[in-house]
Protein backbone atom coordinates (compact mmCIF):
# COMPACT_ATOMS: atom_id res chain seq x y z
CA MET A 1 -52.12 22.47 30.69
CA SER A 2 -49.59 25.25 31.02
CA THR A 3 -46.08 24.79 32.32
CA LEU A 4 -44.27 26.95 34.79
CA SER A 5 -41.32 28.80 33.39
CA PRO A 6 -38.41 28.91 33.92
CA ASN A 7 -37.64 25.25 34.53
CA LEU A 8 -35.42 23.88 37.27
CA SER A 9 -32.97 21.05 36.66
CA VAL A 10 -31.69 18.98 39.56
CA TYR A 11 -28.54 16.87 39.38
CA THR A 12 -27.58 14.47 42.17
CA ASP A 13 -24.75 12.02 42.71
CA GLY A 14 -23.22 9.89 45.39
CA ALA A 15 -20.32 7.46 45.57
CA SER A 16 -18.19 5.47 47.95
CA ARG A 17 -14.54 4.43 47.84
CA SER A 18 -14.78 0.65 48.03
CA ASN A 19 -18.26 -0.58 48.81
CA PRO A 20 -18.99 0.11 51.61
CA GLY A 21 -16.42 2.73 52.40
CA HIS A 22 -15.81 6.46 52.68
CA ALA A 23 -18.71 8.11 50.86
CA ALA A 24 -20.07 11.49 49.87
CA CYS A 25 -22.98 12.91 47.94
CA ALA A 26 -23.86 16.16 46.23
CA TYR A 27 -26.60 17.97 44.38
CA LEU A 28 -26.86 20.96 42.08
CA VAL A 29 -30.00 22.93 41.25
CA ALA A 30 -29.92 24.99 38.06
CA LEU A 31 -32.35 27.46 36.56
CA GLU A 32 -32.91 27.02 32.84
CA GLY A 33 -30.68 29.41 30.94
CA LYS A 34 -29.11 30.81 34.14
CA GLY A 35 -26.86 28.04 35.44
CA PRO A 36 -26.56 26.68 38.99
CA PHE A 37 -28.00 28.65 41.90
CA LYS A 38 -27.68 26.06 44.67
CA THR A 39 -25.04 23.40 45.24
CA HIS A 40 -24.45 21.20 48.24
CA HIS A 41 -22.02 18.41 49.10
CA GLN A 42 -21.77 16.24 52.17
CA TYR A 43 -19.39 13.61 53.54
CA LEU A 44 -21.44 10.63 54.74
CA GLY A 45 -18.94 8.52 56.68
CA ASP A 46 -16.62 5.56 56.24
CA LYS A 47 -19.08 2.63 56.14
CA VAL A 48 -21.56 3.79 53.50
CA THR A 49 -22.47 1.95 50.30
CA SER A 50 -22.57 3.59 46.91
CA ASN A 51 -26.34 3.07 46.73
CA GLN A 52 -26.83 4.73 50.13
CA ALA A 53 -24.76 7.71 48.96
CA GLU A 54 -26.82 8.00 45.75
CA TYR A 55 -30.10 7.93 47.68
CA ARG A 56 -28.85 10.44 50.24
CA GLY A 57 -27.92 12.89 47.48
CA MET A 58 -31.45 12.64 46.08
CA GLU A 59 -32.99 12.93 49.55
CA LEU A 60 -31.05 16.12 50.33
CA ALA A 61 -31.96 17.66 46.96
CA LEU A 62 -35.66 16.89 47.44
CA ALA A 63 -35.60 18.28 50.99
CA TYR A 64 -34.12 21.52 49.66
CA LEU A 65 -36.66 21.73 46.82
CA VAL A 66 -39.59 21.23 49.17
CA GLU A 67 -38.44 24.30 51.07
CA LEU A 68 -38.84 26.32 47.86
CA ILE A 69 -42.45 25.32 47.29
CA CYS A 70 -45.08 27.90 48.12
CA VAL A 71 -48.75 27.42 47.49
CA ILE A 72 -51.37 30.16 47.38
CA ALA A 73 -54.67 28.89 48.78
CA HIS A 74 -57.62 31.02 49.86
CA TRP A 75 -55.46 34.16 49.75
CA ASN A 76 -53.05 32.75 52.31
CA LEU A 77 -49.46 31.95 51.50
CA TRP A 78 -48.30 28.57 52.76
CA ARG A 79 -44.88 26.99 52.77
CA CYS A 80 -44.42 23.26 52.62
CA HIS A 81 -41.71 22.05 54.97
CA HIS A 82 -39.76 18.83 54.55
CA SER A 83 -42.13 17.15 57.00
CA PHE A 84 -44.76 17.69 54.25
CA ARG A 85 -47.05 19.66 56.54
CA LEU A 86 -48.27 23.04 55.36
CA GLN A 87 -47.55 25.98 57.63
CA ALA A 88 -48.35 29.65 57.17
CA CYS A 89 -45.58 31.91 55.87
CA GLY A 90 -45.05 35.14 57.76
């Protein structure tokens, strides 16, 4: 099996001040050998647990990554949207 190159690394985090409390999450997507090319951070509110913030950071990162996925099938280019349904590109 071959691997796709270059590799992407995804870092996520989330935290709350007190638990629950004011919370935020973030993610960073980096290309191997090139550094970060996408970062995102988001305030989540004042009654959010640390676990909820961690999960939300991962959820946002995965939603972004799904938007990057393109599949070539039967000579048509398809893009997978975060709803996980395939739709034709352009």
